[in-house]
Amino acid sequence: MSAIAALTLLSTGFAQGDLPEVPAKVVSASLFKNGYAVVVREALVPTTGQGIIPAPPQSVLGTFWISSSPGVQIRELIATTLTKESDRDVQSLDEALTANVGKVVGIKVREHFEGTAKILSAAGSIVILEPTERTQQRGVLILPKGSVLEISGAAGEVVWKVKQKTNQQALRFTASAPRGGVIKIVSLEPGISWAPAYALDISDEKTLRLVARASLINDSLDLDGVDVRLVTGFPNVPFLNIQDPFTSFQNLQMFVSALMRAGAPEDAAQSGMAYQMARNRLSEKLDFAEAFPISQATGEQNEDLFFYPLSKVTLKRGDRGYHVLFTAESEYAHVYTCSLGDSIVDDQYVERPEGPRDVWHSLKFKNTSGKPFTTASAITMKDSSLLGQDMMHYTSANAEATVKITKALDIAVEDAEEEIERQRDALRTRSRTYDKVTIKGRIRVINRKAQAVSLELSKGVSGEILATDRNPKVTVLAKGLRAVNPRNRIEWKLDLSSGESAEITYQYSVYIAT
């Protein structure tokens, strides 16, 4: 059984220089897409049972945990601060003067003195010199430091190294353990993440080929043959922006203040991903999976999260990794979609600008990979030409995915509405009066492409739908339930041959505030 340690927080002040440093090596990491990862480290327990683990991870509140291999009993674990002393080169003439106080050196002072002198003091902004008997200058010189041009002397006579002290956070432990026993540290921490991407190749007229890849972004860890898992799904971590008090070394007031702020709304609004489309003709057909070994692991479903495994990953801090996760093939269909907005906003008619509406060329296909598609960018290629880029939304295995390619400029959709009847003061409420207006709409579609297309057309309508043609699907939406007018969505599916046009009409009544 692994031993869970009782943990104590201590600031510093212990004489700990004789304890051996035991590095905690990363042995596995599960990476989320939000810049955080669950990292597992192992530290070998020395034969003495005591040691120092330097640089503990900066964990999210409540996610720092200690375990051990069988037979290890941890009697004490303390988060502390070590003070270390080391040498460094002087970095300025001021530091050099201070380092050589009490020594006789060669010194050159602008317009005042050049020769050998003993440095008596270098405090503040002045230097105090006592020239030696070999110089003509007598007595003590008090000069501004800025007037000193150089210091010289034989090797070993001039001091150019100074002592510096640095504080290092560490974990001090005492444990009883068999030979080879390890302490395990589990932590959710920032600094390493992954970004997925998809490429869809539709060079074949019937079968789509999908390649999924991952970019590993490593700003914090040194990975050496580490098993990594890439996590899809939405982890519930409400204290993501609060550090665990055991390893953060914040004072008590800072920690309590962070807890008090935890319930406050975020100042920065979340923004979606933005993509810019481009076209680029390449010299030869590209296979985005052929150049890389593809992971043979099938992945693992654990409750509502899915894990893509990568074995024996080596990636230094600051490096980026490129990994092909899997490939899949699926039959696909070209679908053209156009969504027309509702003309009624806040019980007022809002006239839409004239001109053709946007028609999007999209792909529909089944996720046959056996793994979920996570939300990510997706490019569409055909014969080495980049057709467009869109967002691949989360899609479960065996579910249907839709990815936009680009706007279909050869399919024109134009719409117009006209008022055909109005009943004045048809409805009165406590605060407003409404006219009941009957509106007739027309939608004209023209396919100018060289091939037949399937168009999915939708229209938002507020009010009561009186008539439609071409047998659309009408859905009453659960939006604006307290509003005067119900909200609907009308959906048509049209199959148009090359050069064919079609006209759709619909009619509805709506209450308009006067």
Protein backbone atom coordinates (compact mmCIF):
# COMPACT_ATOMS: atom_id res chain seq x y z
CA MET A 1 0.00 0.00 0.00
CA SER A 2 1.23 3.49 -0.81
CA ALA A 3 1.62 5.81 2.10
CA ILE A 4 -0.13 9.18 1.98
CA ALA A 5 1.90 11.68 3.93
CA ALA A 6 0.65 14.10 6.54
CA LEU A 7 2.03 17.40 5.28
CA THR A 8 3.32 20.39 7.23
CA LEU A 9 4.19 23.86 5.94
CA LEU A 10 7.30 25.50 7.31
CA SER A 11 8.94 28.73 6.16
CA THR A 12 12.69 28.17 6.66
CA GLY A 13 15.45 28.37 9.24
CA PHE A 14 16.64 24.72 9.39
CA ALA A 15 20.29 23.73 8.93
CA GLN A 16 19.78 21.45 5.96
CA GLY A 17 23.03 21.69 4.00
CA ASP A 18 24.09 18.11 4.76
CA LEU A 19 20.99 16.48 3.27
CA PRO A 20 21.39 15.05 -0.25
CA GLU A 21 19.42 16.61 -3.10
CA VAL A 22 17.09 14.10 -4.74
CA PRO A 23 15.68 15.29 -8.08
CA ALA A 24 12.07 14.39 -8.81
CA LYS A 25 11.98 13.05 -12.37
CA VAL A 26 8.85 13.37 -14.52
CA VAL A 27 7.55 9.87 -15.31
CA SER A 28 4.15 10.68 -16.86
CA ALA A 29 2.01 13.65 -17.85
CA SER A 30 -1.61 14.08 -18.89
CA LEU A 31 -1.99 17.26 -20.93
CA PHE A 32 -5.16 19.35 -21.16
CA LYS A 33 -5.72 21.94 -23.88
CA ASN A 34 -6.00 24.84 -21.43
CA GLY A 35 -2.29 25.09 -20.61
CA TYR A 36 -2.35 22.73 -17.60
CA ALA A 37 -1.27 19.14 -17.08
CA VAL A 38 -1.42 16.43 -14.44
CA VAL A 39 2.25 15.57 -13.89
CA VAL A 40 3.60 12.56 -11.97
CA ARG A 41 7.16 12.72 -10.63
CA GLU A 42 9.27 10.15 -8.78
CA ALA A 43 12.16 10.76 -6.36
CA LEU A 44 14.41 7.93 -5.19
CA VAL A 45 14.63 7.69 -1.38
CA PRO A 46 18.33 7.69 -0.25
CA THR A 47 19.60 4.89 1.97
CA THR A 48 19.69 7.37 4.87
CA GLY A 49 15.95 7.97 4.46
CA GLN A 50 16.40 11.75 4.38
CA GLY A 51 16.73 14.14 1.48
CA ILE A 52 15.80 17.37 -0.26
CA ILE A 53 13.60 17.50 -3.36
CA PRO A 54 14.42 20.83 -5.08
CA ALA A 55 11.96 23.02 -7.01
CA PRO A 56 8.56 21.53 -6.11
CA PRO A 57 5.82 22.15 -8.71
CA GLN A 58 3.53 25.18 -8.48
CA SER A 59 0.29 23.24 -8.18
CA VAL A 60 -3.35 24.24 -8.47
CA LEU A 61 -5.17 24.40 -5.14
CA GLY A 62 -5.93 20.92 -3.81
CA THR A 63 -4.10 19.04 -6.57
CA PHE A 64 -0.69 18.49 -4.91
CA TRP A 65 -0.55 14.96 -3.53
CA ILE A 66 2.19 12.65 -2.26
CA SER A 67 2.25 8.88 -2.54
CA SER A 68 4.99 6.25 -2.60
CA SER A 69 6.01 2.85 -3.86
CA PRO A 70 5.16 -0.22 -1.71
CA GLY A 71 7.06 -0.39 1.56
CA VAL A 72 7.86 3.31 1.80
CA GLN A 73 6.62 5.09 4.92
CA ILE A 74 6.94 8.88 4.91
CA ARG A 75 7.33 10.20 8.45
CA GLU A 76 7.84 13.87 7.63
CA LEU A 77 7.46 16.13 4.60
CA ILE A 78 8.10 19.85 4.92
CA ALA A 79 7.98 22.59 2.30
CA THR A 80 10.88 24.89 3.06
CA THR A 81 13.30 27.42 1.58
CA LEU A 82 17.00 26.69 1.13
CA THR A 83 19.61 29.45 1.02
CA LYS A 84 22.55 28.68 -1.25
CA GLU A 85 25.81 30.58 -1.67
CA SER A 86 27.74 30.68 -4.93
CA ASP A 87 30.32 32.75 -6.80
CA ARG A 88 29.60 35.03 -9.72
CA ASP A 89 31.56 37.55 -11.78
CA VAL A 90 31.36 41.22 -10.85
CA GLN A 91 29.02 43.05 -13.20
CA SER A 92 30.09 46.68 -12.79
CA LEU A 93 33.07 48.81 -11.78
CA ASP A 94 31.13 49.71 -8.64
CA GLU A 95 30.99 46.01 -7.66
CA ALA A 96 34.70 45.63 -8.47
CA LEU A 97 35.60 48.53 -6.16
CA THR A 98 33.53 47.05 -3.33
CA ALA A 99 35.02 43.57 -3.85
CA ASN A 100 38.59 44.96 -3.58
CA VAL A 101 38.19 47.07 -0.42
CA GLY A 102 41.36 46.63 1.69
CA LYS A 103 43.52 45.62 -1.29
CA VAL A 104 46.30 47.53 -3.05
CA VAL A 105 45.55 47.72 -6.76
CA GLY A 106 46.51 49.69 -9.79
CA ILE A 107 43.92 52.39 -10.28
CA LYS A 108 43.30 55.15 -12.78
CA VAL A 109 41.16 58.14 -11.81
CA ARG A 110 40.13 60.75 -14.34
CA GLU A 111 42.26 63.97 -13.95
CA HIS A 112 43.21 63.10 -10.37
CA PHE A 113 45.39 60.08 -9.98
CA GLU A 114 47.04 57.15 -11.73
CA GLY A 115 49.12 54.62 -9.81
CA THR A 116 48.75 52.11 -6.99
CA ALA A 117 46.52 52.70 -4.02
CA LYS A 118 44.76 50.88 -1.24
CA ILE A 119 40.97 51.01 -1.45
CA LEU A 120 39.79 52.01 2.01
CA SER A 121 36.08 52.25 1.27
CA ALA A 122 33.63 52.01 -1.63
CA ALA A 123 30.37 52.71 0.19
CA GLY A 124 27.66 54.77 -1.43
CA SER A 125 28.68 56.97 -4.37
CA ILE A 126 32.29 57.66 -3.31
CA VAL A 127 35.55 55.74 -3.17
CA ILE A 128 38.26 56.42 -0.56
CA LEU A 129 41.83 55.71 -1.66
CA GLU A 130 45.18 55.73 0.13
CA PRO A 131 48.01 56.05 -2.45
CA THR A 132 51.11 53.92 -1.81
CA GLU A 133 54.58 55.37 -1.09
CA ARG A 134 55.67 54.71 -4.68
CA THR A 135 53.38 57.50 -5.94
CA GLN A 136 53.80 61.23 -5.63
CA GLN A 137 50.29 61.65 -4.26
CA ARG A 138 50.12 61.70 -0.44
CA GLY A 139 47.30 61.43 2.04
CA VAL A 140 43.80 60.08 1.48
CA LEU A 141 41.75 60.73 -1.66
CA ILE A 142 37.95 60.85 -1.53
CA LEU A 143 36.56 60.74 -5.06
CA PRO A 144 33.26 60.06 -6.80
CA LYS A 145 33.04 56.52 -8.09
CA GLY A 146 32.19 57.83 -11.52
CA SER A 147 35.70 59.25 -11.88
CA VAL A 148 37.37 55.82 -11.63
CA LEU A 149 38.30 54.60 -15.10
CA GLU A 150 39.95 51.25 -14.39
CA ILE A 151 41.37 48.85 -11.80
CA SER A 152 44.35 46.65 -12.54
CA GLY A 153 46.62 44.17 -10.87
CA ALA A 154 48.39 40.86 -11.23
CA ALA A 155 46.42 37.64 -11.41
CA GLY A 156 45.16 36.79 -7.96
CA GLU A 157 45.61 40.33 -6.65
CA VAL A 158 42.39 41.77 -8.06
CA VAL A 159 39.12 40.24 -6.86
CA TRP A 160 36.61 39.80 -9.70
CA LYS A 161 34.35 37.17 -8.12
CA VAL A 162 31.72 37.93 -5.49
CA LYS A 163 29.53 35.75 -3.31
CA GLN A 164 25.81 35.67 -3.91
CA LYS A 165 22.98 34.06 -1.98
CA THR A 166 19.91 32.58 -3.63
CA ASN A 167 16.77 31.15 -2.12
CA GLN A 168 15.39 27.91 -3.50
CA GLN A 169 12.09 26.29 -2.64
CA ALA A 170 12.36 22.63 -1.74
CA LEU A 171 10.71 19.67 0.00
CA ARG A 172 12.54 18.10 2.95
CA PHE A 173 11.51 14.54 3.77
CA THR A 174 12.25 11.76 6.22
CA ALA A 175 11.15 8.25 5.30
CA SER A 176 11.86 4.60 5.86
CA ALA A 177 12.12 2.70 2.61
CA PRO A 178 13.48 -0.48 1.07
CA ARG A 179 16.23 -0.17 -1.52
CA GLY A 180 14.81 1.40 -4.67
CA GLY A 181 11.80 2.92 -2.90
CA VAL A 182 10.43 6.11 -4.43
CA ILE A 183 8.30 9.06 -3.39
CA LYS A 184 5.65 9.99 -5.96
CA ILE A 185 4.40 13.54 -6.49
CA VAL A 186 1.13 14.15 -8.36
CA SER A 187 0.33 17.72 -9.36
CA LEU A 188 -1.95 19.72 -11.67
CA GLU A 189 0.25 22.56 -12.88
CA PRO A 190 0.63 25.09 -15.71
CA GLY A 191 3.33 25.25 -18.34
CA ILE A 192 2.71 22.37 -20.74
CA SER A 193 -0.23 21.78 -23.06
CA TRP A 194 -1.26 20.51 -26.48
CA ALA A 195 -3.07 21.89 -29.50
CA PRO A 196 -4.90 19.54 -31.89
CA ALA A 197 -5.46 20.03 -35.61
CA TYR A 198 -7.11 18.10 -38.43
CA ALA A 199 -6.52 17.80 -42.16
CA LEU A 200 -9.29 16.53 -44.45
CA ASP A 201 -8.28 15.30 -47.91
CA ILE A 202 -11.12 15.04 -50.44
CA SER A 203 -9.01 14.22 -53.49
CA ASP A 204 -11.09 11.06 -53.84
CA GLU A 205 -14.65 11.80 -54.97
CA LYS A 206 -16.25 9.39 -52.52
CA THR A 207 -13.89 8.80 -49.61
CA LEU A 208 -12.49 11.43 -47.26
CA ARG A 209 -9.16 10.84 -45.53
CA LEU A 210 -8.67 12.50 -42.15
CA VAL A 211 -5.37 13.00 -40.33
CA ALA A 212 -5.33 14.14 -36.69
CA ARG A 213 -2.19 15.64 -35.20
CA ALA A 214 -1.08 17.25 -31.95
CA SER A 215 1.40 20.03 -31.24
CA LEU A 216 2.97 19.68 -27.80
CA ILE A 217 3.81 23.04 -26.21
CA ASN A 218 6.35 22.62 -23.43
CA ASP A 219 7.42 25.67 -21.44
CA SER A 220 8.13 24.08 -18.07
CA LEU A 221 9.28 20.43 -18.05
CA ASP A 222 12.20 18.32 -19.23
CA LEU A 223 10.68 15.14 -20.64
CA ASP A 224 12.97 12.16 -21.24
CA GLY A 225 11.20 9.06 -22.51
CA VAL A 226 7.99 10.02 -20.70
CA ASP A 227 4.57 8.51 -21.39
CA VAL A 228 2.22 11.37 -22.25
CA ARG A 229 -1.57 11.36 -22.54
CA LEU A 230 -3.47 14.05 -24.42
CA VAL A 231 -6.84 14.72 -22.82
CA THR A 232 -10.05 15.73 -24.60
CA GLY A 233 -13.16 16.81 -22.77
CA PHE A 234 -13.87 19.54 -20.23
CA PRO A 235 -12.22 19.05 -16.82
CA ASN A 236 -14.03 20.68 -13.92
CA VAL A 237 -11.30 22.58 -12.05
CA PRO A 238 -12.91 25.61 -10.36
CA PHE A 239 -9.74 26.65 -8.50
CA LEU A 240 -7.50 26.76 -11.56
CA ASN A 241 -6.22 30.27 -10.80
CA ILE A 242 -5.35 29.58 -7.14
CA GLN A 243 -2.04 28.02 -6.14
CA ASP A 244 -1.86 25.26 -3.57
CA PRO A 245 -0.61 26.78 -0.27
CA PHE A 246 1.81 23.91 0.36
CA THR A 247 4.06 24.74 -2.60
CA SER A 248 3.18 28.35 -3.48
CA PHE A 249 5.05 29.89 -0.51
CA GLN A 250 2.57 32.74 -0.47
CA ASN A 251 1.99 34.39 2.85
CA LEU A 252 -1.30 33.70 4.59
CA GLN A 253 -2.90 37.00 3.60
CA MET A 254 -2.18 36.43 -0.09
CA PHE A 255 -3.65 32.93 0.04
CA VAL A 256 -6.81 34.06 1.85
CA SER A 257 -7.24 36.95 -0.61
CA ALA A 258 -6.98 34.52 -3.53
CA LEU A 259 -9.69 32.35 -1.98
CA MET A 260 -11.94 35.36 -1.48
CA ARG A 261 -11.56 36.30 -5.14
CA ALA A 262 -12.31 32.80 -6.37
CA GLY A 263 -16.03 33.42 -6.67
CA ALA A 264 -15.68 36.68 -8.57
CA PRO A 265 -16.46 36.71 -12.32
CA GLU A 266 -13.53 36.87 -14.69
CA ASP A 267 -12.72 40.27 -16.14
CA ALA A 268 -11.64 38.92 -19.48
CA ALA A 269 -14.35 37.45 -21.68
CA GLN A 270 -13.66 34.20 -23.45
CA SER A 271 -13.14 34.61 -27.12
CA GLY A 272 -13.54 31.97 -29.79
CA MET A 273 -10.88 30.87 -32.23
CA ALA A 274 -10.56 32.96 -35.38
CA TYR A 275 -9.38 31.59 -38.68
CA GLN A 276 -8.34 33.21 -41.95
CA MET A 277 -8.85 31.25 -45.16
CA ALA A 278 -6.26 31.00 -47.89
CA ARG A 279 -5.65 29.08 -51.11
CA ASN A 280 -2.29 27.63 -51.93
CA ARG A 281 -1.36 25.37 -54.83
CA LEU A 282 1.51 23.01 -54.03
CA SER A 283 3.79 21.17 -56.43
CA GLU A 284 2.71 17.64 -55.54
CA LYS A 285 0.05 15.72 -53.68
CA LEU A 286 0.60 15.76 -49.93
CA ASP A 287 0.10 12.96 -47.42
CA PHE A 288 0.17 14.47 -43.94
CA ALA A 289 0.46 11.06 -42.22
CA GLU A 290 3.00 9.25 -44.40
CA ALA A 291 6.09 11.00 -43.00
CA PHE A 292 5.36 10.20 -39.33
CA PRO A 293 4.79 7.00 -37.37
CA ILE A 294 1.17 6.88 -36.28
CA SER A 295 0.33 5.99 -32.71
CA GLN A 296 -0.91 2.39 -32.58
CA ALA A 297 -2.67 2.87 -29.24
CA THR A 298 -6.44 3.04 -29.42
CA GLY A 299 -6.85 5.57 -26.64
CA GLU A 300 -8.76 5.30 -23.41
CA GLN A 301 -12.21 6.49 -22.35
CA ASN A 302 -12.30 7.40 -18.66
CA GLU A 303 -15.73 8.66 -17.60
CA ASP A 304 -16.32 11.82 -19.70
CA LEU A 305 -12.68 12.32 -20.72
CA PHE A 306 -10.79 10.64 -23.55
CA PHE A 307 -7.00 10.15 -23.52
CA TYR A 308 -4.78 9.91 -26.60
CA PRO A 309 -1.56 8.11 -25.51
CA LEU A 310 1.95 9.00 -26.72
CA SER A 311 4.74 6.71 -25.54
CA LYS A 312 8.32 7.66 -24.65
CA VAL A 313 8.17 11.36 -25.44
CA THR A 314 11.45 13.29 -25.17
CA LEU A 315 11.02 17.07 -25.17
CA LYS A 316 13.20 19.65 -23.49
CA ARG A 317 11.81 22.72 -21.76
CA GLY A 318 11.03 25.31 -24.44
CA ASP A 319 10.71 22.71 -27.22
CA ARG A 320 7.66 21.92 -29.32
CA GLY A 321 6.62 18.44 -30.44
CA TYR A 322 4.73 17.32 -33.57
CA HIS A 323 2.81 14.04 -33.33
CA VAL A 324 0.36 12.32 -35.70
CA LEU A 325 -2.38 10.77 -33.55
CA PHE A 326 -4.47 8.75 -36.00
CA THR A 327 -5.94 8.59 -39.49
CA ALA A 328 -9.42 7.64 -40.62
CA GLU A 329 -11.40 7.26 -43.83
CA SER A 330 -15.09 7.91 -44.31
CA GLU A 331 -17.62 8.44 -47.05
CA TYR A 332 -18.60 12.08 -47.26
CA ALA A 333 -21.11 14.38 -48.87
CA HIS A 334 -20.84 17.92 -50.18
CA VAL A 335 -23.47 20.04 -48.48
CA TYR A 336 -24.28 23.68 -49.10
CA THR A 337 -25.90 25.63 -46.29
CA CYS A 338 -27.49 29.04 -46.00
CA SER A 339 -28.96 30.51 -42.81
CA LEU A 340 -31.31 33.50 -43.03
CA GLY A 341 -31.82 35.47 -39.85
CA ASP A 342 -35.04 36.54 -38.17
CA SER A 343 -36.38 39.90 -39.33
CA ILE A 344 -38.06 40.58 -35.98
CA VAL A 345 -35.91 41.95 -33.14
CA ASP A 346 -37.52 43.11 -29.87
CA ASP A 347 -40.97 43.12 -31.49
CA GLN A 348 -39.74 45.48 -34.21
CA TYR A 349 -39.21 44.72 -37.89
CA VAL A 350 -35.57 45.14 -38.89
CA GLU A 351 -35.03 45.46 -42.62
CA ARG A 352 -32.17 43.31 -43.88
CA PRO A 353 -29.64 44.71 -46.35
CA GLU A 354 -30.23 43.87 -49.99
CA GLY A 355 -28.03 41.48 -51.93
CA PRO A 356 -27.23 37.77 -51.98
CA ARG A 357 -26.84 35.86 -48.73
CA ASP A 358 -23.81 33.80 -47.73
CA VAL A 359 -23.90 30.18 -48.85
CA TRP A 360 -21.31 27.89 -47.27
CA HIS A 361 -19.82 24.82 -48.89
CA SER A 362 -19.44 22.16 -46.17
CA LEU A 363 -18.53 18.52 -45.77
CA LYS A 364 -20.60 15.99 -43.84
CA PHE A 365 -19.06 12.70 -42.81
CA LYS A 366 -19.18 10.08 -40.08
CA ASN A 367 -16.48 9.82 -37.42
CA THR A 368 -15.25 6.30 -38.15
CA SER A 369 -11.99 6.61 -36.19
CA GLY A 370 -13.33 5.00 -33.03
CA LYS A 371 -12.12 8.06 -31.11
CA PRO A 372 -13.81 11.40 -30.47
CA PHE A 373 -12.84 14.48 -32.47
CA THR A 374 -11.90 17.26 -30.08
CA THR A 375 -12.57 20.90 -30.89
CA ALA A 376 -9.77 22.15 -33.14
CA SER A 377 -8.90 23.77 -36.44
CA ALA A 378 -9.48 21.71 -39.58
CA ILE A 379 -8.16 22.37 -43.07
CA THR A 380 -9.64 20.86 -46.23
CA MET A 381 -7.30 19.83 -49.06
CA LYS A 382 -7.91 18.58 -52.59
CA ASP A 383 -5.13 17.56 -54.96
CA SER A 384 -2.59 19.47 -52.84
CA SER A 385 -4.68 22.65 -52.90
CA LEU A 386 -5.79 24.24 -49.65
CA LEU A 387 -9.52 24.89 -50.00
CA GLY A 388 -10.28 26.39 -46.60
CA GLN A 389 -10.19 26.14 -42.82
CA ASP A 390 -12.90 25.83 -40.20
CA MET A 391 -13.53 24.70 -36.64
CA MET A 392 -14.01 21.01 -36.06
CA HIS A 393 -16.42 20.80 -33.14
CA TYR A 394 -16.35 17.97 -30.61
CA THR A 395 -17.74 14.87 -32.32
CA SER A 396 -18.22 11.53 -30.59
CA ALA A 397 -17.17 8.30 -32.26
CA ASN A 398 -19.71 7.20 -34.91
CA ALA A 399 -21.41 10.61 -34.83
CA GLU A 400 -21.73 12.93 -37.83
CA ALA A 401 -19.36 15.86 -38.28
CA THR A 402 -19.82 18.96 -40.41
CA VAL A 403 -16.88 21.13 -41.48
CA LYS A 404 -17.15 24.28 -43.57
CA ILE A 405 -14.80 24.65 -46.53
CA THR A 406 -15.47 28.07 -48.01
CA LYS A 407 -18.22 30.35 -49.30
CA ALA A 408 -19.99 29.03 -52.40
CA LEU A 409 -20.07 32.09 -54.65
CA ASP A 410 -21.69 30.18 -57.53
CA ILE A 411 -24.85 29.55 -55.53
CA ALA A 412 -26.96 32.68 -55.10
CA VAL A 413 -29.65 33.05 -52.44
CA GLU A 414 -31.74 36.22 -52.32
CA ASP A 415 -34.71 36.89 -50.07
CA ALA A 416 -37.33 39.59 -49.66
CA GLU A 417 -40.41 40.15 -47.51
CA GLU A 418 -43.49 42.30 -47.98
CA GLU A 419 -46.39 43.35 -45.77
CA ILE A 420 -49.75 42.17 -47.09
CA GLU A 421 -52.09 42.97 -44.18
CA ARG A 422 -52.11 44.98 -40.93
CA GLN A 423 -54.61 45.02 -38.05
CA ARG A 424 -54.17 48.18 -36.00
CA ASP A 425 -54.13 47.87 -32.20
CA ALA A 426 -54.73 44.12 -32.39
CA LEU A 427 -53.14 43.51 -28.99
CA ARG A 428 -52.79 45.64 -25.88
CA THR A 429 -50.70 44.93 -22.81
CA ARG A 430 -50.15 47.03 -19.70
CA SER A 431 -47.33 48.95 -21.29
CA ARG A 432 -47.54 48.51 -25.07
CA THR A 433 -49.86 48.29 -28.04
CA TYR A 434 -49.23 45.98 -31.00
CA ASP A 435 -50.35 45.81 -34.60
CA LYS A 436 -50.83 42.36 -36.09
CA VAL A 437 -48.99 42.28 -39.40
CA THR A 438 -49.14 39.54 -42.03
CA ILE A 439 -45.88 39.18 -43.97
CA LYS A 440 -45.13 37.20 -47.11
CA GLY A 441 -41.56 36.14 -47.86
CA ARG A 442 -39.86 34.93 -51.03
CA ILE A 443 -36.51 33.16 -51.31
CA ARG A 444 -34.92 32.72 -54.73
CA VAL A 445 -32.07 30.24 -55.24
CA ILE A 446 -29.87 29.83 -58.35
CA ASN A 447 -27.23 27.12 -58.83
CA ARG A 448 -24.56 28.40 -61.23
CA LYS A 449 -22.12 25.58 -60.50
CA ALA A 450 -21.24 23.03 -63.17
CA GLN A 451 -22.65 20.18 -61.07
CA ALA A 452 -25.77 19.41 -59.06
CA VAL A 453 -25.81 20.49 -55.43
CA SER A 454 -27.77 19.81 -52.26
CA LEU A 455 -28.70 22.98 -50.37
CA GLU A 456 -29.82 23.11 -46.75
CA LEU A 457 -31.68 26.39 -46.25
CA SER A 458 -32.95 27.70 -42.91
CA LYS A 459 -34.92 30.79 -41.95
CA GLY A 460 -35.66 32.23 -38.51
CA VAL A 461 -39.23 33.50 -38.10
CA SER A 462 -40.94 35.21 -35.14
CA GLY A 463 -44.70 34.94 -35.04
CA GLU A 464 -47.27 32.43 -36.27
CA ILE A 465 -46.39 30.61 -39.49
CA LEU A 466 -49.43 30.61 -41.79
CA ALA A 467 -48.14 28.94 -44.95
CA THR A 468 -45.01 27.41 -46.48
CA ASP A 469 -44.22 25.49 -49.64
CA ARG A 470 -41.85 22.62 -50.51
CA ASN A 471 -42.70 20.81 -47.24
CA PRO A 472 -40.10 22.26 -44.89
CA LYS A 473 -39.35 21.17 -41.33
CA VAL A 474 -40.76 23.72 -38.87
CA THR A 475 -39.43 23.83 -35.32
CA VAL A 476 -40.85 26.01 -32.55
CA LEU A 477 -37.84 27.15 -30.55
CA ALA A 478 -37.67 27.40 -26.76
CA LYS A 479 -36.43 30.98 -27.00
CA GLY A 480 -38.15 34.14 -25.90
CA LEU A 481 -40.83 32.18 -24.07
CA ARG A 482 -42.09 35.35 -22.36
CA ALA A 483 -42.17 37.31 -25.60
CA VAL A 484 -45.37 38.17 -27.46
CA ASN A 485 -44.28 36.30 -30.59
CA PRO A 486 -43.14 32.67 -30.66
CA ARG A 487 -39.87 31.93 -32.43
CA ASN A 488 -39.56 29.35 -35.18
CA ARG A 489 -37.01 27.87 -37.51
CA ILE A 490 -37.99 26.73 -41.01
CA GLU A 491 -35.66 24.29 -42.78
CA TRP A 492 -35.74 23.31 -46.46
CA LYS A 493 -33.63 20.77 -48.33
CA LEU A 494 -33.27 21.52 -52.04
CA ASP A 495 -31.60 19.43 -54.74
CA LEU A 496 -30.63 21.69 -57.63
CA SER A 497 -29.08 20.60 -60.91
CA SER A 498 -26.56 22.79 -62.72
CA GLY A 499 -28.20 26.04 -63.81
CA GLU A 500 -31.47 25.29 -61.98
CA SER A 501 -33.29 27.95 -59.98
CA ALA A 502 -36.02 27.63 -57.38
CA GLU A 503 -38.35 29.97 -55.52
CA ILE A 504 -39.73 29.41 -52.05
CA THR A 505 -42.57 31.32 -50.43
CA TYR A 506 -43.74 31.46 -46.84
CA GLN A 507 -46.22 33.56 -44.88
CA TYR A 508 -46.52 34.47 -41.21
CA SER A 509 -48.25 36.89 -38.87
CA VAL A 510 -46.43 38.79 -36.17
CA TYR A 511 -47.23 41.36 -33.50
CA ILE A 512 -45.27 44.58 -34.04
CA ALA A 513 -44.99 47.12 -31.21
CA THR A 514 -46.28 50.58 -32.15
